[in-house]
């Protein structure tokens, strides 16, 4: 079993979530923000033996996009604002080797005395 950390664009996270649910892949989703594009990101934590299946779902549901963003550049004398096209999206997948999954349910009911 290995831990997969999957970073996707906000536009792709709903489709990927649905694919995980349909295929009974348990995941935890965390929201984040990209530093270069200032766009919202979805980060999925998946611990599974079905790595190849998960990678196929990611490939089928995530795509690259080109956006324009404004950056400041130093031209030798002053900083100027420049429009740049950058490619974002697709998915970034981190595979973290052998992982051990433990579910802790905690105490069962009980009374507060």
PDB file of N, CA and C in Angstrom:
ATOM      1  N   UNK A   1       0.845  -1.165   0.000  1.00  0.00           N
ATOM      2  CA  UNK A   1       0.000   0.000   0.000  1.00  0.00           C
ATOM      3  C   UNK A   1       0.895   1.234   0.000  1.00  0.00           C
ATOM      4  N   UNK A   2       0.531   2.245  -0.816  1.00  0.00           N
ATOM      5  CA  UNK A   2       1.325   3.462  -0.818  1.00  0.00           C
ATOM      6  C   UNK A   2       0.446   4.693  -0.699  1.00  0.00           C
ATOM      7  N   UNK A   3       1.049   5.748  -0.202  1.00  0.00           N
ATOM      8  CA  UNK A   3       0.359   7.016  -0.045  1.00  0.00           C
ATOM      9  C   UNK A   3       0.595   7.851  -1.290  1.00  0.00           C
ATOM     10  N   UNK A   4      -0.497   8.360  -1.857  1.00  0.00           N
ATOM     11  CA  UNK A   4      -0.419   9.232  -3.025  1.00  0.00           C
ATOM     12  C   UNK A   4      -0.919  10.608  -2.616  1.00  0.00           C
ATOM     13  N   UNK A   5      -0.166  11.631  -2.950  1.00  0.00           N
ATOM     14  CA  UNK A   5      -0.571  13.007  -2.735  1.00  0.00           C
ATOM     15  C   UNK A   5      -0.778  13.590  -4.131  1.00  0.00           C
ATOM     16  N   UNK A   6      -2.018  13.970  -4.445  1.00  0.00           N
ATOM     17  CA  UNK A   6      -2.380  14.381  -5.799  1.00  0.00           C
ATOM     18  C   UNK A   6      -2.859  15.828  -5.763  1.00  0.00           C
ATOM     19  N   UNK A   7      -2.165  16.711  -6.481  1.00  0.00           N
ATOM     20  CA  UNK A   7      -2.506  18.133  -6.521  1.00  0.00           C
ATOM     21  C   UNK A   7      -3.133  18.437  -7.879  1.00  0.00           C
ATOM     22  N   UNK A   8      -4.381  18.970  -7.857  1.00  0.00           N
ATOM     23  CA  UNK A   8      -5.106  19.269  -9.096  1.00  0.00           C
ATOM     24  C   UNK A   8      -5.693  20.676  -9.034  1.00  0.00           C
ATOM     25  N   UNK A   9      -6.016  21.226 -10.194  1.00  0.00           N
ATOM     26  CA  UNK A   9      -6.667  22.533 -10.266  1.00  0.00           C
ATOM     27  C   UNK A   9      -8.109  22.433  -9.778  1.00  0.00           C
ATOM     28  N   UNK A  10      -8.623  23.556  -9.291  1.00  0.00           N
ATOM     29  CA  UNK A  10      -9.991  23.620  -8.773  1.00  0.00           C
ATOM     30  C   UNK A  10     -11.010  23.133  -9.812  1.00  0.00           C
ATOM     31  N   UNK A  11     -10.783  23.448 -11.089  1.00  0.00           N
ATOM     32  CA  UNK A  11     -11.716  23.054 -12.144  1.00  0.00           C
ATOM     33  C   UNK A  11     -11.808  21.537 -12.306  1.00  0.00           C
ATOM     34  N   UNK A  12     -10.786  20.805 -11.892  1.00  0.00           N
ATOM     35  CA  UNK A  12     -10.753  19.353 -12.075  1.00  0.00           C
ATOM     36  C   UNK A  12     -11.119  18.574 -10.818  1.00  0.00           C
ATOM     37  N   UNK A  13     -11.158  19.228  -9.667  1.00  0.00           N
ATOM     38  CA  UNK A  13     -11.298  18.471  -8.421  1.00  0.00           C
ATOM     39  C   UNK A  13     -12.661  17.804  -8.270  1.00  0.00           C
ATOM     40  N   UNK A  14     -13.742  18.421  -8.763  1.00  0.00           N
ATOM     41  CA  UNK A  14     -15.066  17.803  -8.629  1.00  0.00           C
ATOM     42  C   UNK A  14     -15.153  16.516  -9.457  1.00  0.00           C
ATOM     43  N   UNK A  15     -14.662  16.564 -10.692  1.00  0.00           N
ATOM     44  CA  UNK A  15     -14.693  15.371 -11.550  1.00  0.00           C
ATOM     45  C   UNK A  15     -13.838  14.252 -10.965  1.00  0.00           C
ATOM     46  N   UNK A  16     -12.679  14.602 -10.422  1.00  0.00           N
ATOM     47  CA  UNK A  16     -11.808  13.581  -9.838  1.00  0.00           C
ATOM     48  C   UNK A  16     -12.432  13.002  -8.571  1.00  0.00           C
ATOM     49  N   UNK A  17     -13.050  13.854  -7.755  1.00  0.00           N
ATOM     50  CA  UNK A  17     -13.752  13.367  -6.556  1.00  0.00           C
ATOM     51  C   UNK A  17     -14.833  12.367  -6.939  1.00  0.00           C
ATOM     52  N   UNK A  18     -15.614  12.707  -7.969  1.00  0.00           N
ATOM     53  CA  UNK A  18     -16.686  11.811  -8.426  1.00  0.00           C
ATOM     54  C   UNK A  18     -16.131  10.484  -8.920  1.00  0.00           C
ATOM     55  N   UNK A  19     -15.015  10.533  -9.645  1.00  0.00           N
ATOM     56  CA  UNK A  19     -14.390   9.294 -10.133  1.00  0.00           C
ATOM     57  C   UNK A  19     -13.925   8.431  -8.968  1.00  0.00           C
ATOM     58  N   UNK A  20     -13.344   9.048  -7.945  1.00  0.00           N
ATOM     59  CA  UNK A  20     -12.917   8.291  -6.768  1.00  0.00           C
ATOM     60  C   UNK A  20     -14.112   7.642  -6.076  1.00  0.00           C
ATOM     61  N   UNK A  21     -15.197   8.380  -5.925  1.00  0.00           N
ATOM     62  CA  UNK A  21     -16.393   7.836  -5.260  1.00  0.00           C
ATOM     63  C   UNK A  21     -16.975   6.678  -6.065  1.00  0.00           C
ATOM     64  N   UNK A  22     -17.119   6.862  -7.391  1.00  0.00           N
ATOM     65  CA  UNK A  22     -17.657   5.799  -8.258  1.00  0.00           C
ATOM     66  C   UNK A  22     -16.828   4.524  -8.172  1.00  0.00           C
ATOM     67  N   UNK A  23     -15.521   4.670  -8.045  1.00  0.00           N
ATOM     68  CA  UNK A  23     -14.617   3.518  -8.045  1.00  0.00           C
ATOM     69  C   UNK A  23     -14.201   3.070  -6.652  1.00  0.00           C
ATOM     70  N   UNK A  24     -14.891   3.599  -5.629  1.00  0.00           N
ATOM     71  CA  UNK A  24     -14.660   3.204  -4.238  1.00  0.00           C
ATOM     72  C   UNK A  24     -13.208   3.417  -3.798  1.00  0.00           C
ATOM     73  N   UNK A  25     -12.647   4.564  -4.199  1.00  0.00           N
ATOM     74  CA  UNK A  25     -11.317   4.975  -3.753  1.00  0.00           C
ATOM     75  C   UNK A  25     -11.520   5.949  -2.599  1.00  0.00           C
ATOM     76  N   UNK A  26     -11.026   5.601  -1.429  1.00  0.00           N
ATOM     77  CA  UNK A  26     -11.155   6.492  -0.277  1.00  0.00           C
ATOM     78  C   UNK A  26     -10.043   7.534  -0.327  1.00  0.00           C
ATOM     79  N   UNK A  27     -10.443   8.790  -0.140  1.00  0.00           N
ATOM     80  CA  UNK A  27      -9.475   9.884  -0.207  1.00  0.00           C
ATOM     81  C   UNK A  27      -9.870  10.978   0.768  1.00  0.00           C
ATOM     82  N   UNK A  28      -8.898  11.772   1.134  1.00  0.00           N
ATOM     83  CA  UNK A  28      -9.128  12.979   1.922  1.00  0.00           C
ATOM     84  C   UNK A  28      -8.745  14.153   1.037  1.00  0.00           C
ATOM     85  N   UNK A  29      -9.639  15.169   0.972  1.00  0.00           N
ATOM     86  CA  UNK A  29      -9.377  16.331   0.127  1.00  0.00           C
ATOM     87  C   UNK A  29      -9.061  17.543   1.002  1.00  0.00           C
ATOM     88  N   UNK A  30      -8.011  18.256   0.624  1.00  0.00           N
ATOM     89  CA  UNK A  30      -7.591  19.469   1.310  1.00  0.00           C
ATOM     90  C   UNK A  30      -7.556  20.588   0.268  1.00  0.00           C
ATOM     91  N   UNK A  31      -7.977  21.775   0.652  1.00  0.00           N
ATOM     92  CA  UNK A  31      -7.923  22.915  -0.265  1.00  0.00           C
ATOM     93  C   UNK A  31      -6.623  23.684  -0.056  1.00  0.00           C
ATOM     94  N   UNK A  32      -6.036  24.158  -1.165  1.00  0.00           N
ATOM     95  CA  UNK A  32      -4.779  24.904  -1.110  1.00  0.00           C
ATOM     96  C   UNK A  32      -4.816  25.993  -2.178  1.00  0.00           C
ATOM     97  N   UNK A  33      -3.740  26.758  -2.262  1.00  0.00           N
ATOM     98  CA  UNK A  33      -3.645  27.820  -3.261  1.00  0.00           C
ATOM     99  C   UNK A  33      -2.259  27.814  -3.871  1.00  0.00           C
ATOM    100  N   UNK A  34      -2.200  27.938  -5.202  1.00  0.00           N
ATOM    101  CA  UNK A  34      -0.915  27.963  -5.885  1.00  0.00           C
ATOM    102  C   UNK A  34      -0.198  29.285  -5.677  1.00  0.00           C
ATOM    103  N   UNK A  35       1.110  29.255  -5.552  1.00  0.00           N
ATOM    104  CA  UNK A  35       1.882  30.473  -5.326  1.00  0.00           C
ATOM    105  C   UNK A  35       2.150  31.239  -6.612  1.00  0.00           C
ATOM    106  N   UNK A  36       2.308  30.554  -7.729  1.00  0.00           N
ATOM    107  CA  UNK A  36       2.598  31.232  -8.992  1.00  0.00           C
ATOM    108  C   UNK A  36       1.330  31.813  -9.600  1.00  0.00           C
ATOM    109  N   UNK A  37       0.280  31.015  -9.662  1.00  0.00           N
ATOM    110  CA  UNK A  37      -0.940  31.445 -10.341  1.00  0.00           C
ATOM    111  C   UNK A  37      -1.993  32.017  -9.403  1.00  0.00           C
ATOM    112  N   UNK A  38      -1.801  31.873  -8.101  1.00  0.00           N
ATOM    113  CA  UNK A  38      -2.797  32.293  -7.103  1.00  0.00           C
ATOM    114  C   UNK A  38      -4.156  31.652  -7.354  1.00  0.00           C
ATOM    115  N   UNK A  39      -4.161  30.465  -7.894  1.00  0.00           N
ATOM    116  CA  UNK A  39      -5.394  29.726  -8.167  1.00  0.00           C
ATOM    117  C   UNK A  39      -5.638  28.709  -7.071  1.00  0.00           C
ATOM    118  N   UNK A  40      -6.925  28.375  -6.887  1.00  0.00           N
ATOM    119  CA  UNK A  40      -7.274  27.371  -5.887  1.00  0.00           C
ATOM    120  C   UNK A  40      -6.906  25.985  -6.396  1.00  0.00           C
ATOM    121  N   UNK A  41      -6.471  25.142  -5.467  1.00  0.00           N
ATOM    122  CA  UNK A  41      -6.062  23.777  -5.785  1.00  0.00           C
ATOM    123  C   UNK A  41      -6.791  22.805  -4.875  1.00  0.00           C
ATOM    124  N   UNK A  42      -6.967  21.589  -5.353  1.00  0.00           N
ATOM    125  CA  UNK A  42      -7.446  20.495  -4.523  1.00  0.00           C
ATOM    126  C   UNK A  42      -6.293  19.529  -4.321  1.00  0.00           C
ATOM    127  N   UNK A  43      -6.072  19.124  -3.092  1.00  0.00           N
ATOM    128  CA  UNK A  43      -5.008  18.169  -2.776  1.00  0.00           C
ATOM    129  C   UNK A  43      -5.677  16.927  -2.201  1.00  0.00           C
ATOM    130  N   UNK A  44      -5.502  15.806  -2.867  1.00  0.00           N
ATOM    131  CA  UNK A  44      -6.091  14.545  -2.424  1.00  0.00           C
ATOM    132  C   UNK A  44      -5.010  13.686  -1.779  1.00  0.00           C
ATOM    133  N   UNK A  45      -5.317  13.129  -0.624  1.00  0.00           N
ATOM    134  CA  UNK A  45      -4.461  12.143   0.028  1.00  0.00           C
ATOM    135  C   UNK A  45      -5.133  10.795  -0.152  1.00  0.00           C
ATOM    136  N   UNK A  46      -4.460   9.884  -0.831  1.00  0.00           N
ATOM    137  CA  UNK A  46      -5.025   8.573  -1.136  1.00  0.00           C
ATOM    138  C   UNK A  46      -4.034   7.509  -0.687  1.00  0.00           C
ATOM    139  N   UNK A  47      -4.487   6.575   0.131  1.00  0.00           N
ATOM    140  CA  UNK A  47      -3.659   5.453   0.549  1.00  0.00           C
ATOM    141  C   UNK A  47      -4.290   4.199  -0.061  1.00  0.00           C
ATOM    142  N   UNK A  48      -3.620   3.583  -1.023  1.00  0.00           N
ATOM    143  CA  UNK A  48      -4.262   2.514  -1.783  1.00  0.00           C
ATOM    144  C   UNK A  48      -3.249   1.521  -2.348  1.00  0.00           C
ATOM    145  N   UNK A  49      -3.764   0.344  -2.675  1.00  0.00           N
ATOM    146  CA  UNK A  49      -3.007  -0.656  -3.426  1.00  0.00           C
ATOM    147  C   UNK A  49      -3.270  -0.514  -4.924  1.00  0.00           C
ATOM    148  N   UNK A  50      -4.222   0.342  -5.292  1.00  0.00           N
ATOM    149  CA  UNK A  50      -4.673   0.465  -6.682  1.00  0.00           C
ATOM    150  C   UNK A  50      -4.037   1.676  -7.374  1.00  0.00           C
ATOM    151  N   UNK A  51      -2.730   1.796  -7.276  1.00  0.00           N
ATOM    152  CA  UNK A  51      -2.019   2.951  -7.829  1.00  0.00           C
ATOM    153  C   UNK A  51      -2.320   3.174  -9.304  1.00  0.00           C
ATOM    154  N   UNK A  52      -2.238   2.128 -10.122  1.00  0.00           N
ATOM    155  CA  UNK A  52      -2.450   2.286 -11.559  1.00  0.00           C
ATOM    156  C   UNK A  52      -3.864   2.757 -11.868  1.00  0.00           C
ATOM    157  N   UNK A  53      -4.863   2.232 -11.146  1.00  0.00           N
ATOM    158  CA  UNK A  53      -6.247   2.674 -11.339  1.00  0.00           C
ATOM    159  C   UNK A  53      -6.393   4.155 -10.998  1.00  0.00           C
ATOM    160  N   UNK A  54      -5.796   4.562  -9.890  1.00  0.00           N
ATOM    161  CA  UNK A  54      -5.882   5.970  -9.467  1.00  0.00           C
ATOM    162  C   UNK A  54      -5.204   6.871 -10.498  1.00  0.00           C
ATOM    163  N   UNK A  55      -4.042   6.481 -10.994  1.00  0.00           N
ATOM    164  CA  UNK A  55      -3.345   7.292 -11.994  1.00  0.00           C
ATOM    165  C   UNK A  55      -4.163   7.430 -13.274  1.00  0.00           C
ATOM    166  N   UNK A  56      -4.867   6.367 -13.680  1.00  0.00           N
ATOM    167  CA  UNK A  56      -5.734   6.446 -14.865  1.00  0.00           C
ATOM    168  C   UNK A  56      -6.885   7.417 -14.628  1.00  0.00           C
ATOM    169  N   UNK A  57      -7.454   7.411 -13.414  1.00  0.00           N
ATOM    170  CA  UNK A  57      -8.539   8.342 -13.084  1.00  0.00           C
ATOM    171  C   UNK A  57      -8.041   9.783 -13.111  1.00  0.00           C
ATOM    172  N   UNK A  58      -6.853  10.007 -12.597  1.00  0.00           N
ATOM    173  CA  UNK A  58      -6.271  11.353 -12.610  1.00  0.00           C
ATOM    174  C   UNK A  58      -6.056  11.807 -14.048  1.00  0.00           C
ATOM    175  N   UNK A  59      -5.487  10.937 -14.869  1.00  0.00           N
ATOM    176  CA  UNK A  59      -5.227  11.283 -16.268  1.00  0.00           C
ATOM    177  C   UNK A  59      -6.518  11.574 -17.028  1.00  0.00           C
ATOM    178  N   UNK A  60      -7.577  10.827 -16.733  1.00  0.00           N
ATOM    179  CA  UNK A  60      -8.849  11.005 -17.434  1.00  0.00           C
ATOM    180  C   UNK A  60      -9.607  12.255 -16.994  1.00  0.00           C
ATOM    181  N   UNK A  61      -9.334  12.759 -15.799  1.00  0.00           N
ATOM    182  CA  UNK A  61     -10.150  13.848 -15.251  1.00  0.00           C
ATOM    183  C   UNK A  61      -9.421  15.174 -15.053  1.00  0.00           C
ATOM    184  N   UNK A  62      -8.141  15.243 -15.362  1.00  0.00           N
ATOM    185  CA  UNK A  62      -7.379  16.477 -15.142  1.00  0.00           C
ATOM    186  C   UNK A  62      -6.708  16.905 -16.443  1.00  0.00           C
ATOM    187  N   UNK A  63      -6.739  18.204 -16.726  1.00  0.00           N
ATOM    188  CA  UNK A  63      -6.115  18.675 -17.963  1.00  0.00           C
ATOM    189  C   UNK A  63      -5.343  19.966 -17.723  1.00  0.00           C
ATOM    190  N   UNK A  64      -4.400  20.239 -18.626  1.00  0.00           N
ATOM    191  CA  UNK A  64      -3.619  21.472 -18.563  1.00  0.00           C
ATOM    192  C   UNK A  64      -4.405  22.621 -19.170  1.00  0.00           C
ATOM    193  N   UNK A  65      -4.124  23.839 -18.688  1.00  0.00           N
ATOM    194  CA  UNK A  65      -4.725  25.055 -19.209  1.00  0.00           C
ATOM    195  C   UNK A  65      -3.632  26.117 -19.323  1.00  0.00           C
ATOM    196  N   UNK A  66      -3.806  27.036 -20.261  1.00  0.00           N
ATOM    197  CA  UNK A  66      -2.902  28.174 -20.368  1.00  0.00           C
ATOM    198  C   UNK A  66      -3.643  29.403 -19.863  1.00  0.00           C
ATOM    199  N   UNK A  67      -3.011  30.132 -18.943  1.00  0.00           N
ATOM    200  CA  UNK A  67      -3.626  31.349 -18.413  1.00  0.00           C
ATOM    201  C   UNK A  67      -2.653  32.511 -18.559  1.00  0.00           C
ATOM    202  N   UNK A  68      -3.198  33.723 -18.521  1.00  0.00           N
ATOM    203  CA  UNK A  68      -2.356  34.908 -18.489  1.00  0.00           C
ATOM    204  C   UNK A  68      -2.294  35.413 -17.069  1.00  0.00           C
ATOM    205  N   UNK A  69      -1.108  35.758 -16.643  1.00  0.00           N
ATOM    206  CA  UNK A  69      -0.928  36.285 -15.300  1.00  0.00           C
ATOM    207  C   UNK A  69       0.017  37.476 -15.360  1.00  0.00           C
ATOM    208  N   UNK A  70      -0.150  38.385 -14.429  1.00  0.00           N
ATOM    209  CA  UNK A  70       0.700  39.572 -14.390  1.00  0.00           C
ATOM    210  C   UNK A  70       1.808  39.368 -13.362  1.00  0.00           C
ATOM    211  N   UNK A  71       3.033  39.614 -13.794  1.00  0.00           N
ATOM    212  CA  UNK A  71       4.173  39.513 -12.887  1.00  0.00           C
ATOM    213  C   UNK A  71       4.993  40.794 -12.969  1.00  0.00           C
ATOM    214  N   UNK A  72       5.777  41.045 -11.962  1.00  0.00           N
ATOM    215  CA  UNK A  72       6.684  42.197 -11.974  1.00  0.00           C
ATOM    216  C   UNK A  72       8.078  41.710 -12.328  1.00  0.00           C
ATOM    217  N   UNK A  73       8.696  42.403 -13.283  1.00  0.00           N
ATOM    218  CA  UNK A  73      10.061  42.062 -13.689  1.00  0.00           C
ATOM    219  C   UNK A  73      10.938  43.304 -13.609  1.00  0.00           C
ATOM    220  N   UNK A  74      12.184  43.090 -13.309  1.00  0.00           N
ATOM    221  CA  UNK A  74      13.158  44.184 -13.259  1.00  0.00           C
ATOM    222  C   UNK A  74      13.811  44.285 -14.625  1.00  0.00           C
ATOM    223  N   UNK A  75      13.702  45.460 -15.270  1.00  0.00           N
ATOM    224  CA  UNK A  75      14.248  45.608 -16.624  1.00  0.00           C
ATOM    225  C   UNK A  75      15.642  46.247 -16.643  1.00  0.00           C
ATOM    226  N   UNK A  76      16.278  46.335 -15.492  1.00  0.00           N
ATOM    227  CA  UNK A  76      17.603  46.947 -15.413  1.00  0.00           C
ATOM    228  C   UNK A  76      17.569  48.295 -14.725  1.00  0.00           C
ATOM    229  N   UNK A  77      16.401  48.947 -14.761  1.00  0.00           N
ATOM    230  CA  UNK A  77      16.260  50.250 -14.107  1.00  0.00           C
ATOM    231  C   UNK A  77      15.101  50.280 -13.119  1.00  0.00           C
ATOM    232  N   UNK A  78      13.966  49.701 -13.529  1.00  0.00           N
ATOM    233  CA  UNK A  78      12.770  49.720 -12.677  1.00  0.00           C
ATOM    234  C   UNK A  78      12.027  48.394 -12.804  1.00  0.00           C
ATOM    235  N   UNK A  79      11.116  48.170 -11.866  1.00  0.00           N
ATOM    236  CA  UNK A  79      10.228  47.015 -11.971  1.00  0.00           C
ATOM    237  C   UNK A  79       9.043  47.406 -12.841  1.00  0.00           C
ATOM    238  N   UNK A  80       8.695  46.552 -13.787  1.00  0.00           N
ATOM    239  CA  UNK A  80       7.540  46.795 -14.653  1.00  0.00           C
ATOM    240  C   UNK A  80       6.620  45.589 -14.585  1.00  0.00           C
ATOM    241  N   UNK A  81       5.315  45.848 -14.730  1.00  0.00           N
ATOM    242  CA  UNK A  81       4.341  44.759 -14.762  1.00  0.00           C
ATOM    243  C   UNK A  81       4.278  44.193 -16.168  1.00  0.00           C
ATOM    244  N   UNK A  82       4.367  42.874 -16.267  1.00  0.00           N
ATOM    245  CA  UNK A  82       4.400  42.191 -17.554  1.00  0.00           C
ATOM    246  C   UNK A  82       3.358  41.079 -17.545  1.00  0.00           C
ATOM    247  N   UNK A  83       2.610  40.949 -18.643  1.00  0.00           N
ATOM    248  CA  UNK A  83       1.668  39.843 -18.798  1.00  0.00           C
ATOM    249  C   UNK A  83       2.427  38.629 -19.326  1.00  0.00           C
ATOM    250  N   UNK A  84       2.253  37.495 -18.687  1.00  0.00           N
ATOM    251  CA  UNK A  84       2.905  36.246 -19.102  1.00  0.00           C
ATOM    252  C   UNK A  84       1.857  35.157 -19.235  1.00  0.00           C
ATOM    253  N   UNK A  85       2.033  34.311 -20.229  1.00  0.00           N
ATOM    254  CA  UNK A  85       1.197  33.119 -20.342  1.00  0.00           C
ATOM    255  C   UNK A  85       1.927  31.987 -19.638  1.00  0.00           C
ATOM    256  N   UNK A  86       1.202  31.299 -18.767  1.00  0.00           N
ATOM    257  CA  UNK A  86       1.795  30.148 -18.091  1.00  0.00           C
ATOM    258  C   UNK A  86       0.862  28.954 -18.232  1.00  0.00           C
ATOM    259  N   UNK A  87       1.436  27.780 -18.222  1.00  0.00           N
ATOM    260  CA  UNK A  87       0.661  26.542 -18.300  1.00  0.00           C
ATOM    261  C   UNK A  87       0.453  26.040 -16.879  1.00  0.00           C
ATOM    262  N   UNK A  88      -0.817  25.816 -16.541  1.00  0.00           N
ATOM    263  CA  UNK A  88      -1.158  25.267 -15.231  1.00  0.00           C
ATOM    264  C   UNK A  88      -1.999  24.020 -15.446  1.00  0.00           C
ATOM    265  N   UNK A  89      -2.224  23.295 -14.385  1.00  0.00           N
ATOM    266  CA  UNK A  89      -3.146  22.174 -14.455  1.00  0.00           C
ATOM    267  C   UNK A  89      -2.468  20.856 -14.707  1.00  0.00           C
ATOM    268  N   UNK A  90      -3.274  19.959 -15.265  1.00  0.00           N
ATOM    269  CA  UNK A  90      -2.838  18.582 -15.260  1.00  0.00           C
ATOM    270  C   UNK A  90      -2.918  18.141 -13.815  1.00  0.00           C
ATOM    271  N   UNK A  91      -1.968  17.418 -13.358  1.00  0.00           N
ATOM    272  CA  UNK A  91      -1.924  17.018 -11.951  1.00  0.00           C
ATOM    273  C   UNK A  91      -0.474  16.769 -11.573  1.00  0.00           C
ATOM    274  N   UNK A  92      -0.174  17.020 -10.329  1.00  0.00           N
ATOM    275  CA  UNK A  92       1.128  16.667  -9.779  1.00  0.00           C
ATOM    276  C   UNK A  92       0.883  15.560  -8.767  1.00  0.00           C
ATOM    277  N   UNK A  93       1.532  14.426  -8.971  1.00  0.00           N
ATOM    278  CA  UNK A  93       1.301  13.259  -8.117  1.00  0.00           C
ATOM    279  C   UNK A  93       2.606  12.894  -7.412  1.00  0.00           C
ATOM    280  N   UNK A  94       2.537  12.825  -6.091  1.00  0.00           N
ATOM    281  CA  UNK A  94       3.669  12.389  -5.280  1.00  0.00           C
ATOM    282  C   UNK A  94       3.365  10.982  -4.786  1.00  0.00           C
ATOM    283  N   UNK A  95       4.249  10.030  -5.074  1.00  0.00           N
ATOM    284  CA  UNK A  95       4.098   8.651  -4.611  1.00  0.00           C
ATOM    285  C   UNK A  95       5.048   8.459  -3.437  1.00  0.00           C
ATOM    286  N   UNK A  96       4.494   8.043  -2.305  1.00  0.00           N
ATOM    287  CA  UNK A  96       5.290   8.004  -1.084  1.00  0.00           C
ATOM    288  C   UNK A  96       5.539   6.604  -0.566  1.00  0.00           C
ATOM    289  N   UNK A  97       5.855   5.708  -1.466  1.00  0.00           N
ATOM    290  CA  UNK A  97       6.284   4.373  -1.069  1.00  0.00           C
ATOM    291  C   UNK A  97       5.310   3.604  -0.205  1.00  0.00           C
ATOM    292  N   UNK A  98       5.862   2.692   0.545  1.00  0.00           N
ATOM    293  CA  UNK A  98       5.064   1.812   1.403  1.00  0.00           C
ATOM    294  C   UNK A  98       4.445   2.619   2.531  1.00  0.00           C
ATOM    295  N   UNK A  99       3.142   2.555   2.635  1.00  0.00           N
ATOM    296  CA  UNK A  99       2.436   3.274   3.703  1.00  0.00           C
ATOM    297  C   UNK A  99       1.630   2.277   4.515  1.00  0.00           C
ATOM    298  N   UNK A 100       1.430   2.591   5.740  1.00  0.00           N
ATOM    299  CA  UNK A 100       0.633   1.746   6.609  1.00  0.00           C
ATOM    300  C   UNK A 100      -0.609   2.543   6.980  1.00  0.00           C
ATOM    301  N   UNK A 101      -1.772   1.962   6.755  1.00  0.00           N
ATOM    302  CA  UNK A 101      -3.029   2.642   7.027  1.00  0.00           C
ATOM    303  C   UNK A 101      -3.629   2.086   8.300  1.00  0.00           C
ATOM    304  N   UNK A 102      -3.880   2.967   9.252  1.00  0.00           N
ATOM    305  CA  UNK A 102      -4.533   2.562  10.495  1.00  0.00           C
ATOM    306  C   UNK A 102      -5.725   3.466  10.712  1.00  0.00           C
ATOM    307  N   UNK A 103      -6.886   2.876  10.955  1.00  0.00           N
ATOM    308  CA  UNK A 103      -8.074   3.642  11.289  1.00  0.00           C
ATOM    309  C   UNK A 103      -8.314   3.492  12.777  1.00  0.00           C
ATOM    310  N   UNK A 104      -8.414   4.607  13.453  1.00  0.00           N
ATOM    311  CA  UNK A 104      -8.653   4.599  14.892  1.00  0.00           C
ATOM    312  C   UNK A 104     -10.056   5.119  15.128  1.00  0.00           C
ATOM    313  N   UNK A 105     -10.904   4.273  15.698  1.00  0.00           N
ATOM    314  CA  UNK A 105     -12.302   4.633  15.893  1.00  0.00           C
ATOM    315  C   UNK A 105     -12.546   5.336  17.210  1.00  0.00           C
ATOM    316  N   UNK A 106     -11.643   5.229  18.149  1.00  0.00           N
ATOM    317  CA  UNK A 106     -11.825   5.885  19.439  1.00  0.00           C
ATOM    318  C   UNK A 106     -12.748   5.094  20.341  1.00  0.00           C
ATOM    319  N   UNK A 107     -13.078   5.690  21.470  1.00  0.00           N
ATOM    320  CA  UNK A 107     -13.913   5.022  22.480  1.00  0.00           C
ATOM    321  C   UNK A 107     -15.338   4.841  21.973  1.00  0.00           C
ATOM    322  N   UNK A 108     -15.962   3.774  22.398  1.00  0.00           N
ATOM    323  CA  UNK A 108     -17.344   3.479  22.042  1.00  0.00           C
ATOM    324  C   UNK A 108     -18.283   4.060  23.084  1.00  0.00           C
ATOM    325  N   UNK A 109     -19.051   5.059  22.695  1.00  0.00           N
ATOM    326  CA  UNK A 109     -20.085   5.607  23.588  1.00  0.00           C
ATOM    327  C   UNK A 109     -19.551   5.935  24.964  1.00  0.00           C
ATOM    328  N   UNK A 110     -20.171   5.345  25.983  1.00  0.00           N
ATOM    329  CA  UNK A 110     -19.723   5.583  27.354  1.00  0.00           C
ATOM    330  C   UNK A 110     -20.473   6.745  27.978  1.00  0.00           C
ATOM    331  N   UNK A 111     -20.224   6.933  29.232  1.00  0.00           N
ATOM    332  CA  UNK A 111     -20.868   8.029  29.954  1.00  0.00           C
ATOM    333  C   UNK A 111     -19.811   8.959  30.502  1.00  0.00           C
ATOM    334  N   UNK A 112     -20.196  10.172  30.710  1.00  0.00           N
ATOM    335  CA  UNK A 112     -19.294  11.154  31.317  1.00  0.00           C
ATOM    336  C   UNK A 112     -19.587  11.216  32.797  1.00  0.00           C
ATOM    337  N   UNK A 113     -18.772  10.598  33.607  1.00  0.00           N
ATOM    338  CA  UNK A 113     -18.991  10.599  35.058  1.00  0.00           C
ATOM    339  C   UNK A 113     -17.936  11.395  35.753  1.00  0.00           C
TER     340      UNK A 113
END
